[in-house]
Amino acid sequence: MVDAALRININKKSTFTIGPSYQYYHFDPTDNTGRFINNTSLIGSYDSLTVDKSKQHAGLI
């Protein structure tokens, strides 16, 4: 994950952060042999059918 952000201290208790964010996800099945993540029928999340696919996400923080 890469976050290149500008942080502004408003006071001693508060900060404001803004900037771009990028994340790359890659699943390596050889590193996950015998682990829960290889059993996609038990994961139950919105992306359980694509957990083994590489993904890229970009946005703002």
PDB file of N, CA and C in Angstrom:
ATOM      1  N   MET A   1       0.839  -1.154   0.000  1.00  0.00           N
ATOM      2  CA  MET A   1       0.000   0.000   0.000  1.00  0.00           C
ATOM      3  C   MET A   1       0.894   1.230   0.000  1.00  0.00           C
ATOM      4  N   VAL A   2       0.507   2.219  -0.780  1.00  0.00           N
ATOM      5  CA  VAL A   2       1.238   3.473  -0.852  1.00  0.00           C
ATOM      6  C   VAL A   2       0.258   4.605  -0.582  1.00  0.00           C
ATOM      7  N   ASP A   3       0.578   5.437   0.405  1.00  0.00           N
ATOM      8  CA  ASP A   3      -0.221   6.610   0.725  1.00  0.00           C
ATOM      9  C   ASP A   3       0.704   7.812   0.754  1.00  0.00           C
ATOM     10  N   ALA A   4       0.613   8.650  -0.253  1.00  0.00           N
ATOM     11  CA  ALA A   4       1.394   9.895  -0.288  1.00  0.00           C
ATOM     12  C   ALA A   4       0.454  11.009   0.138  1.00  0.00           C
ATOM     13  N   ALA A   5       0.496  11.361   1.425  1.00  0.00           N
ATOM     14  CA  ALA A   5      -0.507  12.272   1.950  1.00  0.00           C
ATOM     15  C   ALA A   5       0.111  13.484   2.630  1.00  0.00           C
ATOM     16  N   LEU A   6      -0.681  14.516   2.711  1.00  0.00           N
ATOM     17  CA  LEU A   6      -0.330  15.735   3.421  1.00  0.00           C
ATOM     18  C   LEU A   6      -1.075  15.714   4.746  1.00  0.00           C
ATOM     19  N   ARG A   7      -0.357  15.811   5.850  1.00  0.00           N
ATOM     20  CA  ARG A   7      -0.980  15.808   7.182  1.00  0.00           C
ATOM     21  C   ARG A   7      -0.839  17.190   7.797  1.00  0.00           C
ATOM     22  N   ILE A   8      -1.965  17.714   8.275  1.00  0.00           N
ATOM     23  CA  ILE A   8      -2.002  19.035   8.892  1.00  0.00           C
ATOM     24  C   ILE A   8      -2.453  18.866  10.339  1.00  0.00           C
ATOM     25  N   ASN A   9      -1.647  19.350  11.270  1.00  0.00           N
ATOM     26  CA  ASN A   9      -2.018  19.332  12.682  1.00  0.00           C
ATOM     27  C   ASN A   9      -2.892  20.541  12.973  1.00  0.00           C
ATOM     28  N   ILE A  10      -4.147  20.302  13.320  1.00  0.00           N
ATOM     29  CA  ILE A  10      -5.080  21.384  13.611  1.00  0.00           C
ATOM     30  C   ILE A  10      -4.853  21.902  15.031  1.00  0.00           C
ATOM     31  N   ASN A  11      -4.741  20.988  15.964  1.00  0.00           N
ATOM     32  CA  ASN A  11      -4.365  21.303  17.340  1.00  0.00           C
ATOM     33  C   ASN A  11      -3.690  20.063  17.911  1.00  0.00           C
ATOM     34  N   LYS A  12      -3.474  20.026  19.205  1.00  0.00           N
ATOM     35  CA  LYS A  12      -2.735  18.909  19.790  1.00  0.00           C
ATOM     36  C   LYS A  12      -3.476  17.573  19.688  1.00  0.00           C
ATOM     37  N   LYS A  13      -4.791  17.600  19.512  1.00  0.00           N
ATOM     38  CA  LYS A  13      -5.592  16.372  19.494  1.00  0.00           C
ATOM     39  C   LYS A  13      -6.117  15.997  18.117  1.00  0.00           C
ATOM     40  N   SER A  14      -6.053  16.882  17.149  1.00  0.00           N
ATOM     41  CA  SER A  14      -6.671  16.625  15.846  1.00  0.00           C
ATOM     42  C   SER A  14      -5.684  16.837  14.700  1.00  0.00           C
ATOM     43  N   THR A  15      -5.799  15.963  13.709  1.00  0.00           N
ATOM     44  CA  THR A  15      -5.032  16.117  12.474  1.00  0.00           C
ATOM     45  C   THR A  15      -5.964  15.946  11.285  1.00  0.00           C
ATOM     46  N   PHE A  16      -5.552  16.481  10.169  1.00  0.00           N
ATOM     47  CA  PHE A  16      -6.289  16.367   8.912  1.00  0.00           C
ATOM     48  C   PHE A  16      -5.324  15.803   7.881  1.00  0.00           C
ATOM     49  N   THR A  17      -5.722  14.728   7.197  1.00  0.00           N
ATOM     50  CA  THR A  17      -4.867  14.074   6.221  1.00  0.00           C
ATOM     51  C   THR A  17      -5.605  13.981   4.884  1.00  0.00           C
ATOM     52  N   ILE A  18      -4.908  14.308   3.800  1.00  0.00           N
ATOM     53  CA  ILE A  18      -5.496  14.200   2.468  1.00  0.00           C
ATOM     54  C   ILE A  18      -4.406  13.808   1.477  1.00  0.00           C
ATOM     55  N   GLY A  19      -4.769  12.934   0.519  1.00  0.00           N
ATOM     56  CA  GLY A  19      -3.823  12.532  -0.503  1.00  0.00           C
ATOM     57  C   GLY A  19      -4.265  11.271  -1.227  1.00  0.00           C
ATOM     58  N   PRO A  20      -3.498  10.855  -2.240  1.00  0.00           N
ATOM     59  CA  PRO A  20      -3.835   9.648  -3.005  1.00  0.00           C
ATOM     60  C   PRO A  20      -3.390   8.385  -2.271  1.00  0.00           C
ATOM     61  N   SER A  21      -4.058   7.271  -2.596  1.00  0.00           N
ATOM     62  CA  SER A  21      -3.725   5.981  -2.002  1.00  0.00           C
ATOM     63  C   SER A  21      -3.761   4.918  -3.099  1.00  0.00           C
ATOM     64  N   TYR A  22      -2.842   3.958  -3.029  1.00  0.00           N
ATOM     65  CA  TYR A  22      -2.780   2.878  -4.014  1.00  0.00           C
ATOM     66  C   TYR A  22      -2.447   1.573  -3.289  1.00  0.00           C
ATOM     67  N   GLN A  23      -3.139   0.496  -3.661  1.00  0.00           N
ATOM     68  CA  GLN A  23      -2.877  -0.809  -3.067  1.00  0.00           C
ATOM     69  C   GLN A  23      -2.904  -1.878  -4.155  1.00  0.00           C
ATOM     70  N   TYR A  24      -1.946  -2.799  -4.106  1.00  0.00           N
ATOM     71  CA  TYR A  24      -1.882  -3.938  -5.022  1.00  0.00           C
ATOM     72  C   TYR A  24      -1.978  -5.211  -4.198  1.00  0.00           C
ATOM     73  N   TYR A  25      -2.864  -6.121  -4.601  1.00  0.00           N
ATOM     74  CA  TYR A  25      -3.073  -7.385  -3.895  1.00  0.00           C
ATOM     75  C   TYR A  25      -2.751  -8.526  -4.841  1.00  0.00           C
ATOM     76  N   HIS A  26      -1.949  -9.465  -4.380  1.00  0.00           N
ATOM     77  CA  HIS A  26      -1.627 -10.656  -5.162  1.00  0.00           C
ATOM     78  C   HIS A  26      -1.696 -11.872  -4.248  1.00  0.00           C
ATOM     79  N   PHE A  27      -2.438 -12.877  -4.661  1.00  0.00           N
ATOM     80  CA  PHE A  27      -2.603 -14.107  -3.892  1.00  0.00           C
ATOM     81  C   PHE A  27      -1.663 -15.167  -4.449  1.00  0.00           C
ATOM     82  N   ASP A  28      -0.813 -15.725  -3.600  1.00  0.00           N
ATOM     83  CA  ASP A  28       0.104 -16.784  -4.000  1.00  0.00           C
ATOM     84  C   ASP A  28      -0.343 -18.084  -3.326  1.00  0.00           C
ATOM     85  N   PRO A  29      -0.951 -19.007  -4.076  1.00  0.00           N
ATOM     86  CA  PRO A  29      -1.475 -20.237  -3.467  1.00  0.00           C
ATOM     87  C   PRO A  29      -0.397 -21.106  -2.825  1.00  0.00           C
ATOM     88  N   THR A  30       0.838 -21.022  -3.302  1.00  0.00           N
ATOM     89  CA  THR A  30       1.891 -21.856  -2.703  1.00  0.00           C
ATOM     90  C   THR A  30       2.254 -21.380  -1.298  1.00  0.00           C
ATOM     91  N   ASP A  31       2.048 -20.094  -1.015  1.00  0.00           N
ATOM     92  CA  ASP A  31       2.303 -19.571   0.331  1.00  0.00           C
ATOM     93  C   ASP A  31       1.137 -19.830   1.285  1.00  0.00           C
ATOM     94  N   ASN A  32       0.011 -20.297   0.774  1.00  0.00           N
ATOM     95  CA  ASN A  32      -1.190 -20.456   1.585  1.00  0.00           C
ATOM     96  C   ASN A  32      -1.731 -21.877   1.607  1.00  0.00           C
ATOM     97  N   THR A  33      -0.890 -22.859   1.345  1.00  0.00           N
ATOM     98  CA  THR A  33      -1.307 -24.256   1.356  1.00  0.00           C
ATOM     99  C   THR A  33      -1.819 -24.631   2.747  1.00  0.00           C
ATOM    100  N   GLY A  34      -3.035 -25.210   2.785  1.00  0.00           N
ATOM    101  CA  GLY A  34      -3.632 -25.651   4.035  1.00  0.00           C
ATOM    102  C   GLY A  34      -4.259 -24.565   4.876  1.00  0.00           C
ATOM    103  N   ARG A  35      -4.319 -23.343   4.382  1.00  0.00           N
ATOM    104  CA  ARG A  35      -4.890 -22.233   5.146  1.00  0.00           C
ATOM    105  C   ARG A  35      -6.345 -21.993   4.771  1.00  0.00           C
ATOM    106  N   PHE A  36      -7.042 -21.310   5.665  1.00  0.00           N
ATOM    107  CA  PHE A  36      -8.455 -21.007   5.512  1.00  0.00           C
ATOM    108  C   PHE A  36      -8.761 -20.280   4.200  1.00  0.00           C
ATOM    109  N   ILE A  37      -7.895 -19.404   3.756  1.00  0.00           N
ATOM    110  CA  ILE A  37      -8.149 -18.591   2.564  1.00  0.00           C
ATOM    111  C   ILE A  37      -8.263 -19.445   1.295  1.00  0.00           C
ATOM    112  N   ASN A  38      -7.710 -20.633   1.303  1.00  0.00           N
ATOM    113  CA  ASN A  38      -7.836 -21.517   0.142  1.00  0.00           C
ATOM    114  C   ASN A  38      -9.198 -22.187   0.048  1.00  0.00           C
ATOM    115  N   ASN A  39      -9.987 -22.161   1.097  1.00  0.00           N
ATOM    116  CA  ASN A  39     -11.323 -22.758   1.091  1.00  0.00           C
ATOM    117  C   ASN A  39     -12.345 -21.647   0.857  1.00  0.00           C
ATOM    118  N   THR A  40     -12.554 -21.275  -0.405  1.00  0.00           N
ATOM    119  CA  THR A  40     -13.387 -20.116  -0.755  1.00  0.00           C
ATOM    120  C   THR A  40     -14.840 -20.290  -0.345  1.00  0.00           C
ATOM    121  N   SER A  41     -15.334 -21.514  -0.208  1.00  0.00           N
ATOM    122  CA  SER A  41     -16.730 -21.707   0.193  1.00  0.00           C
ATOM    123  C   SER A  41     -16.966 -21.315   1.650  1.00  0.00           C
ATOM    124  N   LEU A  42     -15.931 -21.231   2.458  1.00  0.00           N
ATOM    125  CA  LEU A  42     -16.064 -20.847   3.867  1.00  0.00           C
ATOM    126  C   LEU A  42     -15.786 -19.374   4.129  1.00  0.00           C
ATOM    127  N   ILE A  43     -15.223 -18.666   3.163  1.00  0.00           N
ATOM    128  CA  ILE A  43     -14.854 -17.270   3.390  1.00  0.00           C
ATOM    129  C   ILE A  43     -16.093 -16.410   3.612  1.00  0.00           C
ATOM    130  N   GLY A  44     -17.065 -16.473   2.702  1.00  0.00           N
ATOM    131  CA  GLY A  44     -18.334 -15.777   2.880  1.00  0.00           C
ATOM    132  C   GLY A  44     -18.291 -14.272   2.721  1.00  0.00           C
ATOM    133  N   SER A  45     -17.291 -13.712   2.076  1.00  0.00           N
ATOM    134  CA  SER A  45     -17.258 -12.271   1.850  1.00  0.00           C
ATOM    135  C   SER A  45     -17.705 -11.971   0.420  1.00  0.00           C
ATOM    136  N   TYR A  46     -17.864 -10.691   0.116  1.00  0.00           N
ATOM    137  CA  TYR A  46     -18.335 -10.290  -1.207  1.00  0.00           C
ATOM    138  C   TYR A  46     -17.367 -10.675  -2.325  1.00  0.00           C
ATOM    139  N   ASP A  47     -16.101 -10.841  -2.025  1.00  0.00           N
ATOM    140  CA  ASP A  47     -15.134 -11.183  -3.068  1.00  0.00           C
ATOM    141  C   ASP A  47     -14.552 -12.589  -2.905  1.00  0.00           C
ATOM    142  N   SER A  48     -15.270 -13.480  -2.249  1.00  0.00           N
ATOM    143  CA  SER A  48     -14.748 -14.826  -1.998  1.00  0.00           C
ATOM    144  C   SER A  48     -14.503 -15.619  -3.283  1.00  0.00           C
ATOM    145  N   LEU A  49     -15.203 -15.280  -4.357  1.00  0.00           N
ATOM    146  CA  LEU A  49     -14.998 -15.989  -5.626  1.00  0.00           C
ATOM    147  C   LEU A  49     -13.794 -15.459  -6.396  1.00  0.00           C
ATOM    148  N   THR A  50     -13.286 -14.289  -6.012  1.00  0.00           N
ATOM    149  CA  THR A  50     -12.142 -13.704  -6.718  1.00  0.00           C
ATOM    150  C   THR A  50     -10.944 -13.479  -5.802  1.00  0.00           C
ATOM    151  N   VAL A  51     -10.914 -14.131  -4.646  1.00  0.00           N
ATOM    152  CA  VAL A  51      -9.833 -13.917  -3.687  1.00  0.00           C
ATOM    153  C   VAL A  51      -8.481 -14.357  -4.249  1.00  0.00           C
ATOM    154  N   ASP A  52      -8.487 -15.253  -5.217  1.00  0.00           N
ATOM    155  CA  ASP A  52      -7.237 -15.743  -5.800  1.00  0.00           C
ATOM    156  C   ASP A  52      -6.781 -14.927  -7.010  1.00  0.00           C
ATOM    157  N   LYS A  53      -7.456 -13.837  -7.310  1.00  0.00           N
ATOM    158  CA  LYS A  53      -7.096 -12.977  -8.442  1.00  0.00           C
ATOM    159  C   LYS A  53      -6.319 -11.762  -7.950  1.00  0.00           C
ATOM    160  N   SER A  54      -5.404 -11.268  -8.761  1.00  0.00           N
ATOM    161  CA  SER A  54      -4.673 -10.045  -8.429  1.00  0.00           C
ATOM    162  C   SER A  54      -5.607  -8.854  -8.561  1.00  0.00           C
ATOM    163  N   LYS A  55      -5.450  -7.860  -7.659  1.00  0.00           N
ATOM    164  CA  LYS A  55      -6.330  -6.706  -7.646  1.00  0.00           C
ATOM    165  C   LYS A  55      -5.531  -5.445  -7.402  1.00  0.00           C
ATOM    166  N   GLN A  56      -6.036  -4.324  -7.926  1.00  0.00           N
ATOM    167  CA  GLN A  56      -5.459  -3.018  -7.694  1.00  0.00           C
ATOM    168  C   GLN A  56      -6.569  -2.075  -7.248  1.00  0.00           C
ATOM    169  N   HIS A  57      -6.257  -1.242  -6.273  1.00  0.00           N
ATOM    170  CA  HIS A  57      -7.227  -0.272  -5.770  1.00  0.00           C
ATOM    171  C   HIS A  57      -6.545   1.085  -5.690  1.00  0.00           C
ATOM    172  N   ALA A  58      -7.258   2.112  -6.082  1.00  0.00           N
ATOM    173  CA  ALA A  58      -6.759   3.482  -5.977  1.00  0.00           C
ATOM    174  C   ALA A  58      -7.871   4.371  -5.463  1.00  0.00           C
ATOM    175  N   GLY A  59      -7.479   5.391  -4.726  1.00  0.00           N
ATOM    176  CA  GLY A  59      -8.477   6.312  -4.184  1.00  0.00           C
ATOM    177  C   GLY A  59      -7.828   7.439  -3.418  1.00  0.00           C
ATOM    178  N   LEU A  60      -8.631   8.070  -2.569  1.00  0.00           N
ATOM    179  CA  LEU A  60      -8.167   9.187  -1.753  1.00  0.00           C
ATOM    180  C   LEU A  60      -8.310   8.855  -0.281  1.00  0.00           C
ATOM    181  N   ILE A  61      -7.387   9.395   0.513  1.00  0.00           N
ATOM    182  CA  ILE A  61      -7.531   9.297   1.960  1.00  0.00           C
ATOM    183  C   ILE A  61      -7.670  10.704   2.511  1.00  0.00           C
TER     184      ILE A  61
END
